[in-house]
Amino acid sequence: MRSMWDAEKMIQEGITPREPTFSALLDVFGMSAPWERSVGLMERIRTYQIYPGVRTYTSAIDAVHVAAPMEALTLFYEMRMNSVEPRRNAYTKILSACAQTQQWVFALYLL
């Protein structure tokens, strides 16, 4: 995947990626990569001491909510614990993940 190679090349050249770089990668991964790559990228963000914002979390949730709904719920929980206020798109994806995993109480809590 070219976009991941570009990010790796940036790192090798000593250029530290910023949050928008990771958000863009998550968008690409959501369209064409296994969900594990998105989760791995979220873990990697922390190695750069970057604090994911609403766009990064939303992109990650969007990338995993169908194939790995429990991971989406975990990301949403982490998002809230880090005082990042979700947007409507994140709520839509999380409600879908709740339906897939039969997390009805959590879904009702969100409403």
N, C-alpha and C. Protein backbone atom coordinates (compact mmCIF):
# COMPACT_ATOMS: atom_id res chain seq x y z
N MET A 1 0.85 -1.18 0.00
CA MET A 1 0.00 0.00 0.00
C MET A 1 0.89 1.24 0.00
N ARG A 2 0.75 2.04 -1.01
CA ARG A 2 1.64 3.19 -1.21
C ARG A 2 1.58 4.19 -0.05
N SER A 3 0.40 4.50 0.47
CA SER A 3 0.31 5.51 1.52
C SER A 3 1.06 5.09 2.77
N MET A 4 1.01 3.80 3.10
CA MET A 4 1.75 3.34 4.27
C MET A 4 3.25 3.42 4.00
N TRP A 5 3.66 3.09 2.77
CA TRP A 5 5.06 3.18 2.43
C TRP A 5 5.53 4.62 2.58
N ASP A 6 4.74 5.57 2.13
CA ASP A 6 5.10 6.98 2.24
C ASP A 6 5.27 7.39 3.71
N ALA A 7 4.40 6.91 4.57
CA ALA A 7 4.53 7.23 6.00
C ALA A 7 5.80 6.61 6.57
N GLU A 8 6.08 5.37 6.18
CA GLU A 8 7.30 4.72 6.64
C GLU A 8 8.53 5.48 6.14
N LYS A 9 8.47 5.93 4.90
CA LYS A 9 9.59 6.69 4.33
C LYS A 9 9.79 8.00 5.10
N MET A 10 8.69 8.65 5.46
CA MET A 10 8.79 9.88 6.26
C MET A 10 9.54 9.61 7.56
N ILE A 11 9.15 8.53 8.21
CA ILE A 11 9.76 8.18 9.50
C ILE A 11 11.24 7.90 9.33
N GLN A 12 11.58 7.13 8.28
CA GLN A 12 12.99 6.79 8.04
C GLN A 12 13.82 8.03 7.77
N GLU A 13 13.23 9.03 7.16
CA GLU A 13 13.95 10.26 6.84
C GLU A 13 13.96 11.25 8.00
N GLY A 14 13.41 10.83 9.14
CA GLY A 14 13.43 11.67 10.33
C GLY A 14 12.31 12.69 10.41
N ILE A 15 11.32 12.55 9.55
CA ILE A 15 10.17 13.45 9.58
C ILE A 15 9.10 12.79 10.44
N THR A 16 8.73 13.43 11.52
CA THR A 16 7.73 12.87 12.41
C THR A 16 6.34 13.19 11.88
N PRO A 17 5.55 12.15 11.58
CA PRO A 17 4.19 12.40 11.11
C PRO A 17 3.36 13.08 12.20
N ARG A 18 2.41 13.88 11.76
CA ARG A 18 1.49 14.54 12.70
C ARG A 18 0.12 13.88 12.61
N GLU A 19 -0.78 14.33 13.44
CA GLU A 19 -2.11 13.71 13.49
C GLU A 19 -2.81 13.67 12.13
N PRO A 20 -2.79 14.74 11.33
CA PRO A 20 -3.47 14.66 10.03
C PRO A 20 -2.94 13.54 9.13
N THR A 21 -1.65 13.25 9.25
CA THR A 21 -1.06 12.15 8.46
C THR A 21 -1.71 10.83 8.86
N PHE A 22 -1.81 10.61 10.17
CA PHE A 22 -2.40 9.37 10.65
C PHE A 22 -3.90 9.30 10.31
N SER A 23 -4.60 10.41 10.40
CA SER A 23 -6.02 10.41 10.05
C SER A 23 -6.22 10.03 8.59
N ALA A 24 -5.37 10.58 7.72
CA ALA A 24 -5.47 10.25 6.30
C ALA A 24 -5.17 8.77 6.06
N LEU A 25 -4.18 8.24 6.74
CA LEU A 25 -3.87 6.82 6.60
C LEU A 25 -5.03 5.96 7.07
N LEU A 26 -5.65 6.34 8.16
CA LEU A 26 -6.80 5.58 8.66
C LEU A 26 -7.94 5.59 7.65
N ASP A 27 -8.14 6.73 6.99
CA ASP A 27 -9.16 6.79 5.95
C ASP A 27 -8.86 5.80 4.83
N VAL A 28 -7.61 5.74 4.42
CA VAL A 28 -7.20 4.81 3.36
C VAL A 28 -7.35 3.36 3.84
N PHE A 29 -6.90 3.09 5.04
CA PHE A 29 -7.01 1.73 5.58
C PHE A 29 -8.46 1.29 5.66
N GLY A 30 -9.34 2.21 6.02
CA GLY A 30 -10.76 1.88 6.12
C GLY A 30 -11.35 1.42 4.80
N MET A 31 -10.76 1.88 3.70
CA MET A 31 -11.27 1.51 2.38
C MET A 31 -10.59 0.27 1.81
N SER A 32 -9.37 -0.04 2.28
CA SER A 32 -8.65 -1.07 1.54
C SER A 32 -7.76 -1.99 2.36
N ALA A 33 -7.75 -1.89 3.65
CA ALA A 33 -6.84 -2.71 4.45
C ALA A 33 -7.61 -3.50 5.51
N PRO A 34 -7.03 -4.58 5.98
CA PRO A 34 -7.65 -5.31 7.09
C PRO A 34 -7.77 -4.41 8.33
N TRP A 35 -8.80 -4.63 9.12
CA TRP A 35 -9.06 -3.77 10.27
C TRP A 35 -7.89 -3.73 11.24
N GLU A 36 -7.10 -4.80 11.30
CA GLU A 36 -5.98 -4.85 12.23
C GLU A 36 -4.95 -3.75 11.94
N ARG A 37 -4.83 -3.36 10.69
CA ARG A 37 -3.88 -2.28 10.35
C ARG A 37 -4.31 -0.97 10.98
N SER A 38 -5.62 -0.72 11.02
CA SER A 38 -6.11 0.52 11.63
C SER A 38 -5.85 0.52 13.13
N VAL A 39 -6.11 -0.61 13.78
CA VAL A 39 -5.86 -0.71 15.22
C VAL A 39 -4.37 -0.56 15.50
N GLY A 40 -3.55 -1.20 14.69
CA GLY A 40 -2.11 -1.08 14.85
C GLY A 40 -1.62 0.35 14.67
N LEU A 41 -2.21 1.04 13.72
CA LEU A 41 -1.82 2.43 13.50
C LEU A 41 -2.22 3.31 14.69
N MET A 42 -3.37 3.05 15.27
CA MET A 42 -3.78 3.81 16.47
C MET A 42 -2.78 3.58 17.61
N GLU A 43 -2.29 2.36 17.72
CA GLU A 43 -1.29 2.08 18.75
C GLU A 43 0.03 2.79 18.43
N ARG A 44 0.35 2.85 17.16
CA ARG A 44 1.60 3.48 16.75
C ARG A 44 1.58 4.99 16.98
N ILE A 45 0.42 5.60 16.85
CA ILE A 45 0.30 7.04 17.08
C ILE A 45 0.86 7.41 18.45
N ARG A 46 0.59 6.57 19.42
CA ARG A 46 1.03 6.86 20.79
C ARG A 46 2.55 6.88 20.91
N THR A 47 3.25 6.13 20.05
CA THR A 47 4.71 6.12 20.13
C THR A 47 5.30 7.46 19.73
N TYR A 48 4.52 8.27 19.04
CA TYR A 48 4.97 9.61 18.65
C TYR A 48 4.44 10.67 19.60
N GLN A 49 3.84 10.24 20.69
CA GLN A 49 3.24 11.14 21.68
C GLN A 49 2.25 12.10 21.02
N ILE A 50 1.48 11.56 20.11
CA ILE A 50 0.41 12.31 19.45
C ILE A 50 -0.90 11.91 20.11
N TYR A 51 -1.71 12.89 20.41
CA TYR A 51 -3.00 12.63 21.03
C TYR A 51 -4.07 12.70 19.95
N PRO A 52 -4.66 11.56 19.62
CA PRO A 52 -5.66 11.55 18.55
C PRO A 52 -6.83 12.47 18.87
N GLY A 53 -7.27 13.17 17.85
CA GLY A 53 -8.42 14.05 17.97
C GLY A 53 -9.67 13.39 17.39
N VAL A 54 -10.71 14.17 17.26
CA VAL A 54 -11.99 13.63 16.82
C VAL A 54 -11.89 13.02 15.43
N ARG A 55 -11.17 13.66 14.52
CA ARG A 55 -11.08 13.11 13.15
C ARG A 55 -10.34 11.78 13.14
N THR A 56 -9.27 11.67 13.90
CA THR A 56 -8.50 10.43 13.93
C THR A 56 -9.31 9.30 14.53
N TYR A 57 -9.95 9.56 15.67
CA TYR A 57 -10.79 8.52 16.28
C TYR A 57 -11.94 8.12 15.36
N THR A 58 -12.58 9.10 14.75
CA THR A 58 -13.71 8.80 13.87
C THR A 58 -13.25 7.98 12.67
N SER A 59 -12.11 8.32 12.10
CA SER A 59 -11.57 7.54 10.98
C SER A 59 -11.27 6.11 11.41
N ALA A 60 -10.70 5.94 12.59
CA ALA A 60 -10.39 4.59 13.09
C ALA A 60 -11.67 3.79 13.34
N ILE A 61 -12.66 4.41 13.94
CA ILE A 61 -13.93 3.73 14.20
C ILE A 61 -14.59 3.33 12.88
N ASP A 62 -14.56 4.24 11.92
CA ASP A 62 -15.13 3.96 10.61
C ASP A 62 -14.43 2.78 9.94
N ALA A 63 -13.11 2.69 10.13
CA ALA A 63 -12.33 1.63 9.50
C ALA A 63 -12.60 0.25 10.08
N VAL A 64 -13.02 0.18 11.35
CA VAL A 64 -13.15 -1.14 12.00
C VAL A 64 -14.57 -1.54 12.37
N HIS A 65 -15.54 -0.64 12.30
CA HIS A 65 -16.84 -0.92 12.91
C HIS A 65 -17.58 -2.10 12.31
N VAL A 66 -17.36 -2.42 11.04
CA VAL A 66 -18.08 -3.55 10.43
C VAL A 66 -17.36 -4.86 10.72
N ALA A 67 -16.07 -4.91 10.46
CA ALA A 67 -15.32 -6.17 10.61
C ALA A 67 -14.97 -6.49 12.06
N ALA A 68 -14.84 -5.47 12.89
CA ALA A 68 -14.43 -5.67 14.28
C ALA A 68 -15.21 -4.70 15.18
N PRO A 69 -16.52 -4.95 15.35
CA PRO A 69 -17.33 -4.00 16.12
C PRO A 69 -16.88 -3.80 17.56
N MET A 70 -16.34 -4.84 18.19
CA MET A 70 -15.87 -4.65 19.56
C MET A 70 -14.66 -3.72 19.61
N GLU A 71 -13.82 -3.76 18.59
CA GLU A 71 -12.70 -2.81 18.52
C GLU A 71 -13.23 -1.39 18.37
N ALA A 72 -14.29 -1.23 17.58
CA ALA A 72 -14.90 0.09 17.42
C ALA A 72 -15.42 0.60 18.76
N LEU A 73 -16.07 -0.28 19.52
CA LEU A 73 -16.58 0.12 20.84
C LEU A 73 -15.42 0.49 21.77
N THR A 74 -14.33 -0.24 21.69
CA THR A 74 -13.15 0.06 22.50
C THR A 74 -12.58 1.43 22.14
N LEU A 75 -12.49 1.69 20.83
CA LEU A 75 -11.98 3.00 20.39
C LEU A 75 -12.90 4.14 20.84
N PHE A 76 -14.21 3.90 20.78
CA PHE A 76 -15.16 4.92 21.21
C PHE A 76 -15.00 5.19 22.70
N TYR A 77 -14.86 4.12 23.48
CA TYR A 77 -14.66 4.27 24.92
C TYR A 77 -13.38 5.06 25.19
N GLU A 78 -12.30 4.70 24.49
CA GLU A 78 -11.03 5.41 24.64
C GLU A 78 -11.19 6.89 24.27
N MET A 79 -11.93 7.12 23.21
CA MET A 79 -12.19 8.49 22.75
C MET A 79 -12.84 9.31 23.86
N ARG A 80 -13.86 8.74 24.47
CA ARG A 80 -14.57 9.44 25.54
C ARG A 80 -13.69 9.62 26.78
N MET A 81 -12.89 8.60 27.10
CA MET A 81 -12.01 8.69 28.27
C MET A 81 -10.94 9.77 28.08
N ASN A 82 -10.60 10.06 26.83
CA ASN A 82 -9.61 11.10 26.53
C ASN A 82 -10.26 12.45 26.26
N SER A 83 -11.53 12.58 26.65
CA SER A 83 -12.29 13.83 26.54
C SER A 83 -12.38 14.36 25.12
N VAL A 84 -12.45 13.44 24.15
CA VAL A 84 -12.65 13.82 22.75
C VAL A 84 -14.13 13.65 22.47
N GLU A 85 -14.79 14.72 22.08
CA GLU A 85 -16.24 14.71 21.86
C GLU A 85 -16.56 14.14 20.47
N PRO A 86 -17.27 13.02 20.43
CA PRO A 86 -17.60 12.41 19.14
C PRO A 86 -18.56 13.26 18.32
N ARG A 87 -18.45 13.12 17.01
CA ARG A 87 -19.40 13.75 16.10
C ARG A 87 -20.45 12.73 15.70
N ARG A 88 -21.44 13.20 14.97
CA ARG A 88 -22.58 12.36 14.59
C ARG A 88 -22.13 11.09 13.86
N ASN A 89 -21.15 11.20 12.96
CA ASN A 89 -20.69 10.04 12.21
C ASN A 89 -20.18 8.94 13.14
N ALA A 90 -19.46 9.31 14.17
CA ALA A 90 -18.95 8.32 15.12
C ALA A 90 -20.10 7.63 15.84
N TYR A 91 -21.11 8.41 16.25
CA TYR A 91 -22.26 7.81 16.91
C TYR A 91 -22.99 6.83 16.00
N THR A 92 -23.12 7.18 14.73
CA THR A 92 -23.78 6.29 13.77
C THR A 92 -23.04 4.97 13.66
N LYS A 93 -21.73 5.03 13.54
CA LYS A 93 -20.91 3.81 13.43
C LYS A 93 -20.97 2.99 14.71
N ILE A 94 -20.95 3.67 15.85
CA ILE A 94 -20.99 2.95 17.13
C ILE A 94 -22.34 2.30 17.35
N LEU A 95 -23.41 2.96 16.96
CA LEU A 95 -24.73 2.32 17.09
C LEU A 95 -24.81 1.08 16.20
N SER A 96 -24.20 1.13 15.04
CA SER A 96 -24.13 -0.04 14.16
C SER A 96 -23.33 -1.16 14.83
N ALA A 97 -22.21 -0.80 15.44
CA ALA A 97 -21.40 -1.79 16.15
C ALA A 97 -22.16 -2.38 17.33
N CYS A 98 -22.94 -1.56 18.03
CA CYS A 98 -23.76 -2.05 19.14
C CYS A 98 -24.79 -3.06 18.64
N ALA A 99 -25.39 -2.79 17.51
CA ALA A 99 -26.37 -3.72 16.94
C ALA A 99 -25.71 -5.05 16.58
N GLN A 100 -24.53 -4.99 15.99
CA GLN A 100 -23.82 -6.22 15.60
C GLN A 100 -23.44 -7.07 16.79
N THR A 101 -23.12 -6.43 17.90
CA THR A 101 -22.64 -7.14 19.08
C THR A 101 -23.72 -7.29 20.16
N GLN A 102 -24.90 -6.84 19.84
CA GLN A 102 -26.06 -6.90 20.75
C GLN A 102 -25.79 -6.19 22.08
N GLN A 103 -25.11 -5.05 21.98
CA GLN A 103 -24.83 -4.22 23.14
C GLN A 103 -25.97 -3.20 23.31
N TRP A 104 -27.16 -3.69 23.61
CA TRP A 104 -28.36 -2.85 23.63
C TRP A 104 -28.31 -1.80 24.74
N VAL A 105 -27.78 -2.17 25.88
CA VAL A 105 -27.72 -1.22 27.00
C VAL A 105 -26.82 -0.05 26.64
N PHE A 106 -25.68 -0.34 26.03
CA PHE A 106 -24.76 0.72 25.62
C PHE A 106 -25.42 1.60 24.55
N ALA A 107 -26.14 0.97 23.62
CA ALA A 107 -26.81 1.72 22.57
C ALA A 107 -27.85 2.67 23.18
N LEU A 108 -28.61 2.18 24.14
CA LEU A 108 -29.61 3.03 24.80
C LEU A 108 -28.94 4.16 25.57
N TYR A 109 -27.80 3.87 26.18
CA TYR A 109 -27.06 4.90 26.91
C TYR A 109 -26.65 6.03 25.96
N LEU A 110 -26.26 5.68 24.73
CA LEU A 110 -25.85 6.70 23.76
C LEU A 110 -27.01 7.57 23.30
N LEU A 111 -28.19 7.00 23.27
CA LEU A 111 -29.36 7.75 22.83
C LEU A 111 -29.83 8.64 23.95
